[in-house]
Full PDB file with SEQRES, HELIX, SHEET, SSBOND, CRYST1, ORIGX, SCALE, CONECT and MASTER records, all heavy atoms in Angstrom:
SEQRES   1 A   32  ALA PRO THR ALA ARG ARG ARG PRO PRO VAL GLY SER GLY          
SEQRES   2 A   32  LEU LEU ALA VAL LEU VAL ALA GLY LEU ALA ILE LEU VAL          
SEQRES   3 A   32  ALA TRP PRO ALA SER THR                                      
HELIX    1 AA1 SER A   12  ALA A   27  1                                  16    
CRYST1    1.000    1.000    1.000  90.00  90.00  90.00 P 1           1          
ORIGX1      1.000000  0.000000  0.000000        0.00000                         
ORIGX2      0.000000  1.000000  0.000000        0.00000                         
ORIGX3      0.000000  0.000000  1.000000        0.00000                         
SCALE1      1.000000  0.000000  0.000000        0.00000                         
SCALE2      0.000000  1.000000  0.000000        0.00000                         
SCALE3      0.000000  0.000000  1.000000        0.00000                         
ATOM      1  N   ALA A   1     -74.043 175.439-106.889  1.00  0.00           N  
ATOM      2  CA  ALA A   1     -75.386 176.010-106.653  1.00  0.00           C  
ATOM      3  C   ALA A   1     -75.308 177.053-105.544  1.00  0.00           C  
ATOM      4  O   ALA A   1     -74.470 176.956-104.645  1.00  0.00           O  
ATOM      5  CB  ALA A   1     -76.350 174.899-106.271  1.00  0.00           C  
ATOM      6  N   PRO A   2     -76.164 178.050-105.573  1.00  0.00           N  
ATOM      7  CA  PRO A   2     -76.115 179.102-104.536  1.00  0.00           C  
ATOM      8  C   PRO A   2     -76.259 178.570-103.128  1.00  0.00           C  
ATOM      9  O   PRO A   2     -75.765 179.172-102.184  1.00  0.00           O  
ATOM     10  CB  PRO A   2     -77.303 180.000-104.914  1.00  0.00           C  
ATOM     11  CG  PRO A   2     -77.540 179.741-106.358  1.00  0.00           C  
ATOM     12  CD  PRO A   2     -77.197 178.313-106.588  1.00  0.00           C  
ATOM     13  N   THR A   3     -76.954 177.441-102.977  1.00  0.00           N  
ATOM     14  CA  THR A   3     -77.170 176.906-101.635  1.00  0.00           C  
ATOM     15  C   THR A   3     -75.985 176.082-101.141  1.00  0.00           C  
ATOM     16  O   THR A   3     -75.984 175.619 -99.997  1.00  0.00           O  
ATOM     17  CB  THR A   3     -78.417 176.019-101.607  1.00  0.00           C  
ATOM     18  OG1 THR A   3     -78.252 174.962-102.578  1.00  0.00           O  
ATOM     19  CG2 THR A   3     -79.666 176.826-101.938  1.00  0.00           C  
ATOM     20  N   ALA A   4     -75.011 175.875-101.999  1.00  0.00           N  
ATOM     21  CA  ALA A   4     -73.874 175.022-101.616  1.00  0.00           C  
ATOM     22  C   ALA A   4     -73.100 175.650-100.455  1.00  0.00           C  
ATOM     23  O   ALA A   4     -72.934 176.867-100.402  1.00  0.00           O  
ATOM     24  CB  ALA A   4     -72.940 174.830-102.807  1.00  0.00           C  
ATOM     25  N   ARG A   5     -72.680 174.836 -99.551  1.00  0.00           N  
ATOM     26  CA  ARG A   5     -71.912 175.318 -98.399  1.00  0.00           C  
ATOM     27  C   ARG A   5     -70.571 175.877 -98.885  1.00  0.00           C  
ATOM     28  O   ARG A   5     -69.870 175.241 -99.664  1.00  0.00           O  
ATOM     29  CB  ARG A   5     -71.680 174.156 -97.432  1.00  0.00           C  
ATOM     30  CG  ARG A   5     -70.993 174.569 -96.167  1.00  0.00           C  
ATOM     31  CD  ARG A   5     -70.890 173.394 -95.209  1.00  0.00           C  
ATOM     32  NE  ARG A   5     -70.297 172.238 -95.887  1.00  0.00           N  
ATOM     33  CZ  ARG A   5     -69.715 171.229 -95.241  1.00  0.00           C  
ATOM     34  NH1 ARG A   5     -69.677 171.224 -93.938  1.00  0.00           N  
ATOM     35  NH2 ARG A   5     -69.199 170.222 -95.912  1.00  0.00           N  
ATOM     36  N   ARG A   6     -70.175 177.024 -98.395  1.00  0.00           N  
ATOM     37  CA  ARG A   6     -68.968 177.657 -98.893  1.00  0.00           C  
ATOM     38  C   ARG A   6     -67.768 177.441 -97.988  1.00  0.00           C  
ATOM     39  O   ARG A   6     -66.653 177.764 -98.351  1.00  0.00           O  
ATOM     40  CB  ARG A   6     -69.207 179.161 -99.099  1.00  0.00           C  
ATOM     41  CG  ARG A   6     -70.234 179.434-100.183  1.00  0.00           C  
ATOM     42  CD  ARG A   6     -70.359 180.903-100.519  1.00  0.00           C  
ATOM     43  NE  ARG A   6     -71.280 181.104-101.621  1.00  0.00           N  
ATOM     44  CZ  ARG A   6     -70.945 181.008-102.899  1.00  0.00           C  
ATOM     45  NH1 ARG A   6     -69.708 180.701-103.227  1.00  0.00           N  
ATOM     46  NH2 ARG A   6     -71.836 181.214-103.852  1.00  0.00           N  
ATOM     47  N   ARG A   7     -67.965 176.914 -96.816  1.00  0.00           N  
ATOM     48  CA  ARG A   7     -66.830 176.629 -95.960  1.00  0.00           C  
ATOM     49  C   ARG A   7     -66.113 175.376 -96.443  1.00  0.00           C  
ATOM     50  O   ARG A   7     -66.715 174.483 -97.021  1.00  0.00           O  
ATOM     51  CB  ARG A   7     -67.295 176.433 -94.527  1.00  0.00           C  
ATOM     52  CG  ARG A   7     -67.798 177.708 -93.875  1.00  0.00           C  
ATOM     53  CD  ARG A   7     -68.159 177.434 -92.424  1.00  0.00           C  
ATOM     54  NE  ARG A   7     -68.609 178.654 -91.766  1.00  0.00           N  
ATOM     55  CZ  ARG A   7     -68.976 178.700 -90.492  1.00  0.00           C  
ATOM     56  NH1 ARG A   7     -68.967 177.583 -89.753  1.00  0.00           N  
ATOM     57  NH2 ARG A   7     -69.366 179.837 -89.962  1.00  0.00           N  
ATOM     58  N   PRO A   8     -64.816 175.277 -96.195  1.00  0.00           N  
ATOM     59  CA  PRO A   8     -64.086 174.070 -96.579  1.00  0.00           C  
ATOM     60  C   PRO A   8     -64.676 172.853 -95.874  1.00  0.00           C  
ATOM     61  O   PRO A   8     -65.156 172.954 -94.733  1.00  0.00           O  
ATOM     62  CB  PRO A   8     -62.657 174.345 -96.088  1.00  0.00           C  
ATOM     63  CG  PRO A   8     -62.578 175.828 -95.985  1.00  0.00           C  
ATOM     64  CD  PRO A   8     -63.945 176.293 -95.592  1.00  0.00           C  
ATOM     65  N   PRO A   9     -64.706 171.695 -96.516  1.00  0.00           N  
ATOM     66  CA  PRO A   9     -65.252 170.490 -95.893  1.00  0.00           C  
ATOM     67  C   PRO A   9     -64.541 170.197 -94.581  1.00  0.00           C  
ATOM     68  O   PRO A   9     -63.338 170.444 -94.420  1.00  0.00           O  
ATOM     69  CB  PRO A   9     -64.955 169.397 -96.933  1.00  0.00           C  
ATOM     70  CG  PRO A   9     -64.792 170.133 -98.227  1.00  0.00           C  
ATOM     71  CD  PRO A   9     -64.192 171.446 -97.865  1.00  0.00           C  
ATOM     72  N   VAL A  10     -65.305 169.661 -93.620  1.00  0.00           N  
ATOM     73  CA  VAL A  10     -64.742 169.302 -92.333  1.00  0.00           C  
ATOM     74  C   VAL A  10     -63.645 168.256 -92.531  1.00  0.00           C  
ATOM     75  O   VAL A  10     -63.825 167.278 -93.243  1.00  0.00           O  
ATOM     76  CB  VAL A  10     -65.836 168.760 -91.396  1.00  0.00           C  
ATOM     77  CG1 VAL A  10     -65.227 168.272 -90.080  1.00  0.00           C  
ATOM     78  CG2 VAL A  10     -66.880 169.838 -91.148  1.00  0.00           C  
ATOM     79  N   GLY A  11     -62.507 168.458 -91.922  1.00  0.00           N  
ATOM     80  CA  GLY A  11     -61.422 167.488 -92.013  1.00  0.00           C  
ATOM     81  C   GLY A  11     -60.442 167.747 -93.143  1.00  0.00           C  
ATOM     82  O   GLY A  11     -59.421 167.069 -93.232  1.00  0.00           O  
ATOM     83  N   SER A  12     -60.711 168.706 -94.034  1.00  0.00           N  
ATOM     84  CA  SER A  12     -59.803 168.961 -95.148  1.00  0.00           C  
ATOM     85  C   SER A  12     -58.449 169.462 -94.666  1.00  0.00           C  
ATOM     86  O   SER A  12     -57.404 169.127 -95.249  1.00  0.00           O  
ATOM     87  CB  SER A  12     -60.418 169.959 -96.134  1.00  0.00           C  
ATOM     88  OG  SER A  12     -60.702 171.191 -95.482  1.00  0.00           O  
ATOM     89  N   GLY A  13     -58.453 170.241 -93.587  1.00  0.00           N  
ATOM     90  CA  GLY A  13     -57.184 170.715 -93.039  1.00  0.00           C  
ATOM     91  C   GLY A  13     -56.352 169.575 -92.491  1.00  0.00           C  
ATOM     92  O   GLY A  13     -55.135 169.491 -92.732  1.00  0.00           O  
ATOM     93  N   LEU A  14     -57.006 168.670 -91.753  1.00  0.00           N  
ATOM     94  CA  LEU A  14     -56.300 167.492 -91.237  1.00  0.00           C  
ATOM     95  C   LEU A  14     -55.778 166.636 -92.376  1.00  0.00           C  
ATOM     96  O   LEU A  14     -54.652 166.123 -92.318  1.00  0.00           O  
ATOM     97  CB  LEU A  14     -57.249 166.681 -90.352  1.00  0.00           C  
ATOM     98  CG  LEU A  14     -56.701 165.357 -89.812  1.00  0.00           C  
ATOM     99  CD1 LEU A  14     -55.463 165.597 -88.956  1.00  0.00           C  
ATOM    100  CD2 LEU A  14     -57.782 164.624 -89.021  1.00  0.00           C  
ATOM    101  N   LEU A  15     -56.581 166.501 -93.426  1.00  0.00           N  
ATOM    102  CA  LEU A  15     -56.156 165.706 -94.585  1.00  0.00           C  
ATOM    103  C   LEU A  15     -54.924 166.326 -95.243  1.00  0.00           C  
ATOM    104  O   LEU A  15     -54.004 165.612 -95.660  1.00  0.00           O  
ATOM    105  CB  LEU A  15     -57.308 165.613 -95.582  1.00  0.00           C  
ATOM    106  CG  LEU A  15     -57.136 164.620 -96.744  1.00  0.00           C  
ATOM    107  CD1 LEU A  15     -56.886 163.212 -96.225  1.00  0.00           C  
ATOM    108  CD2 LEU A  15     -58.382 164.647 -97.627  1.00  0.00           C  
ATOM    109  N   ALA A  16     -54.904 167.649 -95.325  1.00  0.00           N  
ATOM    110  CA  ALA A  16     -53.750 168.330 -95.904  1.00  0.00           C  
ATOM    111  C   ALA A  16     -52.490 168.058 -95.079  1.00  0.00           C  
ATOM    112  O   ALA A  16     -51.405 167.837 -95.634  1.00  0.00           O  
ATOM    113  CB  ALA A  16     -54.002 169.827 -95.991  1.00  0.00           C  
ATOM    114  N   VAL A  17     -52.639 168.049 -93.758  1.00  0.00           N  
ATOM    115  CA  VAL A  17     -51.502 167.749 -92.889  1.00  0.00           C  
ATOM    116  C   VAL A  17     -51.018 166.320 -93.107  1.00  0.00           C  
ATOM    117  O   VAL A  17     -49.813 166.056 -93.172  1.00  0.00           O  
ATOM    118  CB  VAL A  17     -51.882 167.979 -91.412  1.00  0.00           C  
ATOM    119  CG1 VAL A  17     -50.781 167.473 -90.483  1.00  0.00           C  
ATOM    120  CG2 VAL A  17     -52.149 169.453 -91.151  1.00  0.00           C  
ATOM    121  N   LEU A  18     -51.961 165.379 -93.239  1.00  0.00           N  
ATOM    122  CA  LEU A  18     -51.597 163.975 -93.456  1.00  0.00           C  
ATOM    123  C   LEU A  18     -50.864 163.796 -94.781  1.00  0.00           C  
ATOM    124  O   LEU A  18     -49.865 163.071 -94.868  1.00  0.00           O  
ATOM    125  CB  LEU A  18     -52.851 163.099 -93.433  1.00  0.00           C  
ATOM    126  CG  LEU A  18     -53.532 162.920 -92.071  1.00  0.00           C  
ATOM    127  CD1 LEU A  18     -54.819 162.118 -92.228  1.00  0.00           C  
ATOM    128  CD2 LEU A  18     -52.595 162.219 -91.100  1.00  0.00           C  
ATOM    129  N   VAL A  19     -51.340 164.451 -95.817  1.00  0.00           N  
ATOM    130  CA  VAL A  19     -50.682 164.346 -97.130  1.00  0.00           C  
ATOM    131  C   VAL A  19     -49.286 164.951 -97.076  1.00  0.00           C  
ATOM    132  O   VAL A  19     -48.327 164.376 -97.602  1.00  0.00           O  
ATOM    133  CB  VAL A  19     -51.537 165.030 -98.217  1.00  0.00           C  
ATOM    134  CG1 VAL A  19     -50.763 165.112 -99.531  1.00  0.00           C  
ATOM    135  CG2 VAL A  19     -52.834 164.268 -98.423  1.00  0.00           C  
ATOM    136  N   ALA A  20     -49.156 166.096 -96.432  1.00  0.00           N  
ATOM    137  CA  ALA A  20     -47.840 166.725 -96.305  1.00  0.00           C  
ATOM    138  C   ALA A  20     -46.896 165.833 -95.502  1.00  0.00           C  
ATOM    139  O   ALA A  20     -45.719 165.658 -95.863  1.00  0.00           O  
ATOM    140  CB  ALA A  20     -47.968 168.096 -95.641  1.00  0.00           C  
ATOM    141  N   GLY A  21     -47.411 165.260 -94.417  1.00  0.00           N  
ATOM    142  CA  GLY A  21     -46.586 164.359 -93.610  1.00  0.00           C  
ATOM    143  C   GLY A  21     -46.157 163.133 -94.389  1.00  0.00           C  
ATOM    144  O   GLY A  21     -45.002 162.686 -94.284  1.00  0.00           O  
ATOM    145  N   LEU A  22     -47.081 162.576 -95.188  1.00  0.00           N  
ATOM    146  CA  LEU A  22     -46.749 161.407 -96.008  1.00  0.00           C  
ATOM    147  C   LEU A  22     -45.679 161.756 -97.035  1.00  0.00           C  
ATOM    148  O   LEU A  22     -44.746 160.980 -97.271  1.00  0.00           O  
ATOM    149  CB  LEU A  22     -48.013 160.894 -96.692  1.00  0.00           C  
ATOM    150  CG  LEU A  22     -47.856 159.633 -97.553  1.00  0.00           C  
ATOM    151  CD1 LEU A  22     -47.332 158.467 -96.723  1.00  0.00           C  
ATOM    152  CD2 LEU A  22     -49.195 159.275 -98.212  1.00  0.00           C  
ATOM    153  N   ALA A  23     -45.802 162.927 -97.648  1.00  0.00           N  
ATOM    154  CA  ALA A  23     -44.805 163.361 -98.630  1.00  0.00           C  
ATOM    155  C   ALA A  23     -43.424 163.511 -97.989  1.00  0.00           C  
ATOM    156  O   ALA A  23     -42.402 163.145 -98.581  1.00  0.00           O  
ATOM    157  CB  ALA A  23     -45.238 164.677 -99.278  1.00  0.00           C  
ATOM    158  N   ILE A  24     -43.399 164.036 -96.759  1.00  0.00           N  
ATOM    159  CA  ILE A  24     -42.120 164.182 -96.048  1.00  0.00           C  
ATOM    160  C   ILE A  24     -41.526 162.813 -95.754  1.00  0.00           C  
ATOM    161  O   ILE A  24     -40.317 162.591 -95.934  1.00  0.00           O  
ATOM    162  CB  ILE A  24     -42.329 164.983 -94.746  1.00  0.00           C  
ATOM    163  CG1 ILE A  24     -42.666 166.443 -95.069  1.00  0.00           C  
ATOM    164  CG2 ILE A  24     -41.083 164.904 -93.861  1.00  0.00           C  
ATOM    165  CD1 ILE A  24     -43.076 167.259 -93.860  1.00  0.00           C  
ATOM    166  N   LEU A  25     -42.350 161.870 -95.319  1.00  0.00           N  
ATOM    167  CA  LEU A  25     -41.863 160.510 -95.057  1.00  0.00           C  
ATOM    168  C   LEU A  25     -41.302 159.872 -96.320  1.00  0.00           C  
ATOM    169  O   LEU A  25     -40.266 159.199 -96.289  1.00  0.00           O  
ATOM    170  CB  LEU A  25     -42.990 159.648 -94.493  1.00  0.00           C  
ATOM    171  CG  LEU A  25     -43.405 159.906 -93.047  1.00  0.00           C  
ATOM    172  CD1 LEU A  25     -44.597 159.030 -92.680  1.00  0.00           C  
ATOM    173  CD2 LEU A  25     -42.240 159.632 -92.094  1.00  0.00           C  
ATOM    174  N   VAL A  26     -41.981 160.057 -97.435  1.00  0.00           N  
ATOM    175  CA  VAL A  26     -41.522 159.491 -98.710  1.00  0.00           C  
ATOM    176  C   VAL A  26     -40.189 160.102 -99.125  1.00  0.00           C  
ATOM    177  O   VAL A  26     -39.295 159.409 -99.632  1.00  0.00           O  
ATOM    178  CB  VAL A  26     -42.585 159.708 -99.803  1.00  0.00           C  
ATOM    179  CG1 VAL A  26     -42.013 159.397-101.183  1.00  0.00           C  
ATOM    180  CG2 VAL A  26     -43.813 158.840 -99.530  1.00  0.00           C  
ATOM    181  N   ALA A  27     -40.043 161.402 -98.923  1.00  0.00           N  
ATOM    182  CA  ALA A  27     -38.833 162.100 -99.367  1.00  0.00           C  
ATOM    183  C   ALA A  27     -37.672 161.964 -98.385  1.00  0.00           C  
ATOM    184  O   ALA A  27     -36.523 162.286 -98.736  1.00  0.00           O  
ATOM    185  CB  ALA A  27     -39.146 163.587 -99.585  1.00  0.00           C  
ATOM    186  N   TRP A  28     -37.923 161.502 -97.156  1.00  0.00           N  
ATOM    187  CA  TRP A  28     -36.881 161.434 -96.139  1.00  0.00           C  
ATOM    188  C   TRP A  28     -35.767 160.494 -96.597  1.00  0.00           C  
ATOM    189  O   TRP A  28     -36.017 159.347 -96.902  1.00  0.00           O  
ATOM    190  CB  TRP A  28     -37.466 160.959 -94.817  1.00  0.00           C  
ATOM    191  CG  TRP A  28     -36.582 161.250 -93.643  1.00  0.00           C  
ATOM    192  CD1 TRP A  28     -35.618 160.462 -93.130  1.00  0.00           C  
ATOM    193  CD2 TRP A  28     -36.599 162.449 -92.862  1.00  0.00           C  
ATOM    194  NE1 TRP A  28     -35.012 161.078 -92.058  1.00  0.00           N  
ATOM    195  CE2 TRP A  28     -35.599 162.302 -91.867  1.00  0.00           C  
ATOM    196  CE3 TRP A  28     -37.355 163.616 -92.899  1.00  0.00           C  
ATOM    197  CZ2 TRP A  28     -35.363 163.304 -90.925  1.00  0.00           C  
ATOM    198  CZ3 TRP A  28     -37.109 164.591 -91.968  1.00  0.00           C  
ATOM    199  CH2 TRP A  28     -36.111 164.433 -90.993  1.00  0.00           C  
ATOM    200  N   PRO A  29     -34.517 160.951 -96.629  1.00  0.00           N  
ATOM    201  CA  PRO A  29     -33.439 160.125 -97.197  1.00  0.00           C  
ATOM    202  C   PRO A  29     -32.976 159.016 -96.263  1.00  0.00           C  
ATOM    203  O   PRO A  29     -33.111 159.109 -95.039  1.00  0.00           O  
ATOM    204  CB  PRO A  29     -32.312 161.146 -97.422  1.00  0.00           C  
ATOM    205  CG  PRO A  29     -32.558 162.197 -96.376  1.00  0.00           C  
ATOM    206  CD  PRO A  29     -34.047 162.288 -96.226  1.00  0.00           C  
ATOM    207  N   ALA A  30     -32.442 157.970 -96.859  1.00  0.00           N  
ATOM    208  CA  ALA A  30     -31.829 156.882 -96.093  1.00  0.00           C  
ATOM    209  C   ALA A  30     -30.412 157.276 -95.698  1.00  0.00           C  
ATOM    210  O   ALA A  30     -29.815 158.186 -96.283  1.00  0.00           O  
ATOM    211  CB  ALA A  30     -31.805 155.610 -96.930  1.00  0.00           C  
ATOM    212  N   SER A  31     -29.856 156.577 -94.705  1.00  0.00           N  
ATOM    213  CA  SER A  31     -28.486 156.857 -94.277  1.00  0.00           C  
ATOM    214  C   SER A  31     -27.936 155.645 -93.545  1.00  0.00           C  
ATOM    215  O   SER A  31     -28.688 154.777 -93.103  1.00  0.00           O  
ATOM    216  CB  SER A  31     -28.448 158.081 -93.351  1.00  0.00           C  
ATOM    217  OG  SER A  31     -29.189 157.818 -92.163  1.00  0.00           O  
ATOM    218  N   THR A  32     -26.644 155.591 -93.431  1.00  0.00           N  
ATOM    219  CA  THR A  32     -26.003 154.569 -92.616  1.00  0.00           C  
ATOM    220  C   THR A  32     -25.271 155.271 -91.477  1.00  0.00           C  
ATOM    221  O   THR A  32     -24.654 156.330 -91.698  1.00  0.00           O  
ATOM    222  CB  THR A  32     -25.049 153.691 -93.449  1.00  0.00           C  
ATOM    223  OG1 THR A  32     -24.623 152.563 -92.678  1.00  0.00           O  
ATOM    224  CG2 THR A  32     -23.831 154.456 -93.947  1.00  0.00           C  
TER     225      THR A  32                                                      
MASTER        0    0    0    1    0    0    0    6  224    1    0    3          
END                                                                             
């Protein structure tokens, strides 16, 4: 709708960082 707020939702940037960080943790390899 024309009245809809056009700025990204508050916290979406932080959420993107959290998802990226989680993906890095998941992909981090094991080692001995």
